[in-house]
Amino acid sequence: MDTHLLDEAKTAGYATKVLFISTEDANLNVGRILVRMSRGGKPETAQSVFDSYRESTRNLAEGCKHADELILYDNTAHNRGYRVVAHFTGGKLSKTAQSIPDWAARVFGKELECAKQHAKPGRGR
């Protein structure tokens, strides 16, 4: 994530919103790409998928401080689509799902864990 670009956009008067979609494991992404390629889709090397997966979360925690909004989506479940995991507004956590995937916990662990401790049982935030 290019935090410099986010800052430039905000300085120019634009509202900034980052939508981040991930899965639990890069191997899952490779498998989905192989299926897509078997159907005539764009080819990608497995190494580029692994590199992209690893790099994608590098500035993510910092990025939420630079974007007006950051929404995390988990796309791990097969054939069920993505689900919202967390929503940050103005750098602060504003909503979270009841269950947090490990990839999101690795990036935003303390913030998400703190929110879970303050959530009322049986109700998502």
N, C-alpha and C. Protein backbone atom coordinates (compact mmCIF):
# COMPACT_ATOMS: atom_id res chain seq x y z
N MET A 1 0.85 -1.16 0.00
CA MET A 1 0.00 0.00 0.00
C MET A 1 0.90 1.23 0.00
N ASP A 2 0.58 2.15 -0.85
CA ASP A 2 1.37 3.37 -1.00
C ASP A 2 0.79 4.46 -0.10
N THR A 3 1.33 4.60 1.09
CA THR A 3 0.81 5.59 2.03
C THR A 3 1.09 7.01 1.54
N HIS A 4 2.17 7.19 0.80
CA HIS A 4 2.50 8.51 0.24
C HIS A 4 1.40 8.94 -0.74
N LEU A 5 0.96 8.03 -1.58
CA LEU A 5 -0.10 8.33 -2.54
C LEU A 5 -1.41 8.68 -1.82
N LEU A 6 -1.72 7.95 -0.74
CA LEU A 6 -2.91 8.26 0.04
C LEU A 6 -2.82 9.68 0.61
N ASP A 7 -1.66 10.04 1.14
CA ASP A 7 -1.47 11.38 1.69
C ASP A 7 -1.61 12.45 0.62
N GLU A 8 -1.04 12.20 -0.55
CA GLU A 8 -1.15 13.17 -1.65
C GLU A 8 -2.60 13.36 -2.07
N ALA A 9 -3.35 12.27 -2.14
CA ALA A 9 -4.75 12.36 -2.53
C ALA A 9 -5.54 13.17 -1.50
N LYS A 10 -5.30 12.92 -0.22
CA LYS A 10 -6.00 13.65 0.83
C LYS A 10 -5.64 15.13 0.78
N THR A 11 -4.36 15.44 0.55
CA THR A 11 -3.92 16.83 0.45
C THR A 11 -4.61 17.54 -0.73
N ALA A 12 -4.85 16.79 -1.79
CA ALA A 12 -5.51 17.35 -2.98
C ALA A 12 -7.03 17.44 -2.80
N GLY A 13 -7.53 17.02 -1.65
CA GLY A 13 -8.96 17.15 -1.36
C GLY A 13 -9.80 15.92 -1.62
N TYR A 14 -9.17 14.82 -1.95
CA TYR A 14 -9.92 13.58 -2.21
C TYR A 14 -10.17 12.82 -0.92
N ALA A 15 -11.29 12.14 -0.87
CA ALA A 15 -11.55 11.18 0.21
C ALA A 15 -10.86 9.89 -0.19
N THR A 16 -10.23 9.22 0.77
CA THR A 16 -9.50 8.00 0.46
C THR A 16 -10.14 6.81 1.16
N LYS A 17 -10.33 5.77 0.39
CA LYS A 17 -10.94 4.54 0.91
C LYS A 17 -10.13 3.37 0.37
N VAL A 18 -9.66 2.52 1.26
CA VAL A 18 -8.90 1.34 0.87
C VAL A 18 -9.76 0.11 1.15
N LEU A 19 -9.94 -0.71 0.13
CA LEU A 19 -10.63 -1.99 0.28
C LEU A 19 -9.57 -3.06 0.15
N PHE A 20 -9.34 -3.82 1.20
CA PHE A 20 -8.29 -4.83 1.21
C PHE A 20 -8.92 -6.21 1.33
N ILE A 21 -8.66 -7.06 0.36
CA ILE A 21 -9.22 -8.41 0.33
C ILE A 21 -8.07 -9.40 0.42
N SER A 22 -8.17 -10.36 1.33
CA SER A 22 -7.13 -11.36 1.47
C SER A 22 -7.75 -12.72 1.78
N THR A 23 -6.89 -13.73 1.73
CA THR A 23 -7.26 -15.09 2.12
C THR A 23 -6.31 -15.53 3.23
N GLU A 24 -6.61 -16.64 3.83
CA GLU A 24 -5.80 -17.15 4.93
C GLU A 24 -4.43 -17.65 4.48
N ASP A 25 -4.32 -18.05 3.22
CA ASP A 25 -3.08 -18.70 2.79
C ASP A 25 -2.83 -18.43 1.31
N ALA A 26 -1.60 -18.10 0.98
CA ALA A 26 -1.22 -17.85 -0.42
C ALA A 26 -1.41 -19.09 -1.29
N ASN A 27 -1.30 -20.27 -0.71
CA ASN A 27 -1.52 -21.50 -1.49
C ASN A 27 -2.94 -21.56 -2.04
N LEU A 28 -3.88 -21.06 -1.28
CA LEU A 28 -5.27 -20.99 -1.74
C LEU A 28 -5.36 -20.09 -2.97
N ASN A 29 -4.66 -18.97 -2.94
CA ASN A 29 -4.65 -18.06 -4.08
C ASN A 29 -4.04 -18.73 -5.31
N VAL A 30 -2.96 -19.46 -5.13
CA VAL A 30 -2.32 -20.17 -6.24
C VAL A 30 -3.30 -21.17 -6.84
N GLY A 31 -3.99 -21.91 -5.99
CA GLY A 31 -4.97 -22.87 -6.48
C GLY A 31 -6.07 -22.22 -7.29
N ARG A 32 -6.55 -21.09 -6.82
CA ARG A 32 -7.61 -20.37 -7.55
C ARG A 32 -7.09 -19.85 -8.89
N ILE A 33 -5.86 -19.41 -8.91
CA ILE A 33 -5.28 -18.92 -10.17
C ILE A 33 -5.10 -20.07 -11.15
N LEU A 34 -4.69 -21.23 -10.65
CA LEU A 34 -4.55 -22.39 -11.54
C LEU A 34 -5.89 -22.77 -12.17
N VAL A 35 -6.95 -22.70 -11.39
CA VAL A 35 -8.29 -22.97 -11.92
C VAL A 35 -8.63 -21.92 -12.98
N ARG A 36 -8.38 -20.66 -12.67
CA ARG A 36 -8.66 -19.58 -13.62
C ARG A 36 -7.86 -19.77 -14.91
N MET A 37 -6.60 -20.15 -14.78
CA MET A 37 -5.76 -20.37 -15.97
C MET A 37 -6.28 -21.53 -16.80
N SER A 38 -6.79 -22.58 -16.15
CA SER A 38 -7.31 -23.73 -16.88
C SER A 38 -8.55 -23.36 -17.70
N ARG A 39 -9.16 -22.22 -17.33
CA ARG A 39 -10.35 -21.73 -18.04
C ARG A 39 -10.00 -20.59 -19.00
N GLY A 40 -8.69 -20.45 -19.28
CA GLY A 40 -8.26 -19.44 -20.24
C GLY A 40 -7.91 -18.10 -19.62
N GLY A 41 -7.86 -18.02 -18.30
CA GLY A 41 -7.56 -16.75 -17.62
C GLY A 41 -6.10 -16.40 -17.67
N LYS A 42 -5.79 -15.21 -17.22
CA LYS A 42 -4.44 -14.66 -17.24
C LYS A 42 -3.49 -15.52 -16.40
N PRO A 43 -2.35 -15.90 -16.97
CA PRO A 43 -1.40 -16.71 -16.20
C PRO A 43 -0.60 -15.87 -15.20
N GLU A 44 -0.26 -16.47 -14.10
CA GLU A 44 0.60 -15.87 -13.07
C GLU A 44 1.53 -16.97 -12.57
N THR A 45 2.74 -16.59 -12.20
CA THR A 45 3.64 -17.58 -11.61
C THR A 45 3.29 -17.75 -10.13
N ALA A 46 3.51 -18.93 -9.62
CA ALA A 46 3.25 -19.17 -8.19
C ALA A 46 4.11 -18.24 -7.34
N GLN A 47 5.35 -18.03 -7.75
CA GLN A 47 6.24 -17.16 -6.98
C GLN A 47 5.71 -15.73 -6.90
N SER A 48 5.14 -15.22 -7.99
CA SER A 48 4.60 -13.86 -7.95
C SER A 48 3.41 -13.78 -7.01
N VAL A 49 2.64 -14.85 -6.94
CA VAL A 49 1.49 -14.88 -6.01
C VAL A 49 1.99 -14.87 -4.57
N PHE A 50 2.99 -15.69 -4.27
CA PHE A 50 3.55 -15.73 -2.92
C PHE A 50 4.16 -14.39 -2.53
N ASP A 51 4.90 -13.78 -3.48
CA ASP A 51 5.53 -12.48 -3.21
C ASP A 51 4.47 -11.41 -2.96
N SER A 52 3.44 -11.40 -3.79
CA SER A 52 2.37 -10.41 -3.65
C SER A 52 1.64 -10.59 -2.32
N TYR A 53 1.38 -11.84 -1.96
CA TYR A 53 0.68 -12.12 -0.70
C TYR A 53 1.50 -11.60 0.49
N ARG A 54 2.78 -11.88 0.47
CA ARG A 54 3.67 -11.47 1.57
C ARG A 54 3.77 -9.94 1.64
N GLU A 55 3.90 -9.29 0.51
CA GLU A 55 4.08 -7.84 0.48
C GLU A 55 2.79 -7.07 0.77
N SER A 56 1.65 -7.68 0.48
CA SER A 56 0.39 -6.95 0.54
C SER A 56 0.06 -6.42 1.93
N THR A 57 0.47 -7.12 2.97
CA THR A 57 0.15 -6.67 4.33
C THR A 57 1.26 -5.84 4.97
N ARG A 58 2.35 -5.67 4.24
CA ARG A 58 3.51 -4.98 4.82
C ARG A 58 3.15 -3.61 5.41
N ASN A 59 2.44 -2.77 4.69
CA ASN A 59 2.09 -1.43 5.17
C ASN A 59 0.62 -1.29 5.55
N LEU A 60 -0.06 -2.40 5.65
CA LEU A 60 -1.50 -2.34 5.87
C LEU A 60 -1.87 -1.65 7.19
N ALA A 61 -1.22 -2.00 8.27
CA ALA A 61 -1.54 -1.39 9.56
C ALA A 61 -1.26 0.11 9.53
N GLU A 62 -0.17 0.50 8.89
CA GLU A 62 0.16 1.91 8.76
C GLU A 62 -0.82 2.61 7.82
N GLY A 63 -1.25 1.89 6.81
CA GLY A 63 -2.16 2.46 5.81
C GLY A 63 -3.48 2.92 6.39
N CYS A 64 -3.96 2.24 7.41
CA CYS A 64 -5.25 2.64 7.98
C CYS A 64 -5.15 4.01 8.64
N LYS A 65 -3.96 4.45 8.98
CA LYS A 65 -3.77 5.77 9.57
C LYS A 65 -3.75 6.86 8.49
N HIS A 66 -3.53 6.46 7.24
CA HIS A 66 -3.43 7.42 6.14
C HIS A 66 -4.71 7.50 5.31
N ALA A 67 -5.53 6.49 5.37
CA ALA A 67 -6.77 6.47 4.59
C ALA A 67 -7.93 6.96 5.46
N ASP A 68 -8.90 7.59 4.82
CA ASP A 68 -10.09 7.99 5.57
C ASP A 68 -10.85 6.76 6.05
N GLU A 69 -10.88 5.75 5.19
CA GLU A 69 -11.53 4.48 5.53
C GLU A 69 -10.67 3.33 5.04
N LEU A 70 -10.64 2.27 5.80
CA LEU A 70 -10.00 1.03 5.38
C LEU A 70 -10.95 -0.10 5.76
N ILE A 71 -11.32 -0.90 4.79
CA ILE A 71 -12.21 -2.03 5.05
C ILE A 71 -11.48 -3.31 4.70
N LEU A 72 -11.42 -4.23 5.65
CA LEU A 72 -10.78 -5.53 5.45
C LEU A 72 -11.84 -6.56 5.10
N TYR A 73 -11.57 -7.33 4.06
CA TYR A 73 -12.44 -8.42 3.64
C TYR A 73 -11.66 -9.72 3.66
N ASP A 74 -12.31 -10.79 4.08
CA ASP A 74 -11.72 -12.12 4.02
C ASP A 74 -12.41 -12.90 2.90
N ASN A 75 -11.61 -13.49 2.02
CA ASN A 75 -12.14 -14.24 0.89
C ASN A 75 -11.64 -15.69 0.93
N THR A 76 -11.46 -16.22 2.13
CA THR A 76 -10.93 -17.57 2.28
C THR A 76 -11.96 -18.64 1.90
N ALA A 77 -13.20 -18.46 2.32
CA ALA A 77 -14.23 -19.49 2.09
C ALA A 77 -14.48 -19.67 0.59
N HIS A 78 -14.47 -20.91 0.16
CA HIS A 78 -14.68 -21.24 -1.26
C HIS A 78 -16.16 -21.16 -1.61
N ASN A 79 -16.46 -20.48 -2.70
CA ASN A 79 -17.83 -20.35 -3.23
C ASN A 79 -18.81 -19.66 -2.29
N ARG A 80 -18.31 -18.93 -1.31
CA ARG A 80 -19.22 -18.20 -0.42
C ARG A 80 -18.99 -16.70 -0.51
N GLY A 81 -18.04 -16.28 -1.31
CA GLY A 81 -17.75 -14.86 -1.43
C GLY A 81 -16.97 -14.34 -0.24
N TYR A 82 -16.75 -13.05 -0.25
CA TYR A 82 -15.97 -12.43 0.81
C TYR A 82 -16.87 -11.97 1.95
N ARG A 83 -16.24 -11.69 3.08
CA ARG A 83 -16.99 -11.16 4.23
C ARG A 83 -16.17 -10.03 4.84
N VAL A 84 -16.86 -9.05 5.38
CA VAL A 84 -16.20 -7.93 6.04
C VAL A 84 -15.64 -8.41 7.37
N VAL A 85 -14.38 -8.12 7.60
CA VAL A 85 -13.70 -8.51 8.83
C VAL A 85 -13.59 -7.33 9.78
N ALA A 86 -13.21 -6.17 9.24
CA ALA A 86 -13.05 -4.98 10.08
C ALA A 86 -13.19 -3.73 9.21
N HIS A 87 -13.59 -2.66 9.88
CA HIS A 87 -13.76 -1.37 9.21
C HIS A 87 -13.09 -0.32 10.10
N PHE A 88 -12.13 0.38 9.51
CA PHE A 88 -11.43 1.45 10.21
C PHE A 88 -11.87 2.78 9.59
N THR A 89 -12.18 3.75 10.43
CA THR A 89 -12.54 5.09 9.98
C THR A 89 -11.65 6.09 10.70
N GLY A 90 -10.96 6.92 9.93
CA GLY A 90 -10.06 7.90 10.53
C GLY A 90 -8.96 7.26 11.35
N GLY A 91 -8.51 6.07 10.94
CA GLY A 91 -7.44 5.38 11.65
C GLY A 91 -7.87 4.61 12.88
N LYS A 92 -9.16 4.67 13.20
CA LYS A 92 -9.68 3.97 14.39
C LYS A 92 -10.61 2.84 13.97
N LEU A 93 -10.53 1.75 14.68
CA LEU A 93 -11.41 0.61 14.42
C LEU A 93 -12.85 1.01 14.76
N SER A 94 -13.74 0.89 13.78
CA SER A 94 -15.14 1.27 14.02
C SER A 94 -16.07 0.06 14.06
N LYS A 95 -15.71 -1.01 13.35
CA LYS A 95 -16.53 -2.23 13.34
C LYS A 95 -15.62 -3.44 13.18
N THR A 96 -16.06 -4.55 13.74
CA THR A 96 -15.31 -5.79 13.57
C THR A 96 -16.28 -6.97 13.52
N ALA A 97 -15.87 -8.01 12.81
CA ALA A 97 -16.66 -9.23 12.74
C ALA A 97 -16.50 -10.01 14.04
N GLN A 98 -17.41 -10.98 14.25
CA GLN A 98 -17.30 -11.79 15.46
C GLN A 98 -16.12 -12.75 15.41
N SER A 99 -15.78 -13.20 14.21
CA SER A 99 -14.61 -14.07 14.09
C SER A 99 -13.60 -13.39 13.16
N ILE A 100 -12.37 -13.38 13.61
CA ILE A 100 -11.30 -12.69 12.89
C ILE A 100 -10.35 -13.75 12.32
N PRO A 101 -10.10 -13.72 11.01
CA PRO A 101 -9.16 -14.68 10.45
C PRO A 101 -7.73 -14.40 10.93
N ASP A 102 -6.92 -15.42 10.92
CA ASP A 102 -5.55 -15.29 11.42
C ASP A 102 -4.75 -14.23 10.68
N TRP A 103 -4.94 -14.11 9.35
CA TRP A 103 -4.16 -13.13 8.60
C TRP A 103 -4.43 -11.71 9.10
N ALA A 104 -5.68 -11.41 9.43
CA ALA A 104 -6.02 -10.08 9.93
C ALA A 104 -5.51 -9.88 11.35
N ALA A 105 -5.57 -10.94 12.15
CA ALA A 105 -5.07 -10.86 13.52
C ALA A 105 -3.56 -10.63 13.54
N ARG A 106 -2.85 -11.19 12.57
CA ARG A 106 -1.39 -10.97 12.51
C ARG A 106 -1.08 -9.50 12.23
N VAL A 107 -1.89 -8.84 11.44
CA VAL A 107 -1.64 -7.44 11.07
C VAL A 107 -2.16 -6.48 12.13
N PHE A 108 -3.38 -6.70 12.59
CA PHE A 108 -4.04 -5.77 13.51
C PHE A 108 -4.35 -6.43 14.85
N GLY A 109 -3.55 -7.38 15.26
CA GLY A 109 -3.83 -8.19 16.43
C GLY A 109 -4.32 -7.46 17.65
N LYS A 110 -3.55 -6.50 18.15
CA LYS A 110 -3.91 -5.83 19.40
C LYS A 110 -5.21 -5.04 19.26
N GLU A 111 -5.38 -4.33 18.16
CA GLU A 111 -6.60 -3.55 17.97
C GLU A 111 -7.82 -4.44 17.88
N LEU A 112 -7.72 -5.51 17.11
CA LEU A 112 -8.86 -6.41 16.94
C LEU A 112 -9.15 -7.19 18.21
N GLU A 113 -8.12 -7.60 18.91
CA GLU A 113 -8.32 -8.34 20.15
C GLU A 113 -8.96 -7.45 21.21
N CYS A 114 -8.54 -6.21 21.28
CA CYS A 114 -9.11 -5.26 22.23
C CYS A 114 -10.59 -5.06 21.94
N ALA A 115 -10.95 -4.94 20.68
CA ALA A 115 -12.35 -4.76 20.29
C ALA A 115 -13.17 -5.98 20.67
N LYS A 116 -12.61 -7.17 20.52
CA LYS A 116 -13.33 -8.39 20.85
C LYS A 116 -13.60 -8.46 22.36
N GLN A 117 -12.66 -7.99 23.16
CA GLN A 117 -12.83 -8.03 24.61
C GLN A 117 -13.93 -7.08 25.07
N HIS A 118 -14.15 -5.99 24.32
CA HIS A 118 -15.17 -5.01 24.70
C HIS A 118 -16.53 -5.30 24.08
N ALA A 119 -16.56 -6.23 23.14
CA ALA A 119 -17.84 -6.57 22.49
C ALA A 119 -18.71 -7.36 23.46
N LYS A 120 -20.00 -7.15 23.36
CA LYS A 120 -20.93 -7.90 24.20
C LYS A 120 -21.12 -9.29 23.62
N PRO A 121 -21.21 -10.32 24.46
CA PRO A 121 -21.42 -11.69 23.95
C PRO A 121 -22.67 -11.76 23.08
N GLY A 122 -22.53 -12.46 21.96
CA GLY A 122 -23.66 -12.66 21.08
C GLY A 122 -23.93 -11.53 20.10
N ARG A 123 -23.13 -10.47 20.20
CA ARG A 123 -23.35 -9.33 19.30
C ARG A 123 -22.05 -8.94 18.66
N GLY A 124 -22.05 -8.77 17.33
CA GLY A 124 -20.88 -8.30 16.60
C GLY A 124 -20.83 -6.79 16.67
N ARG A 125 -19.64 -6.25 16.41
CA ARG A 125 -19.50 -4.80 16.39
C ARG A 125 -19.31 -4.35 14.99
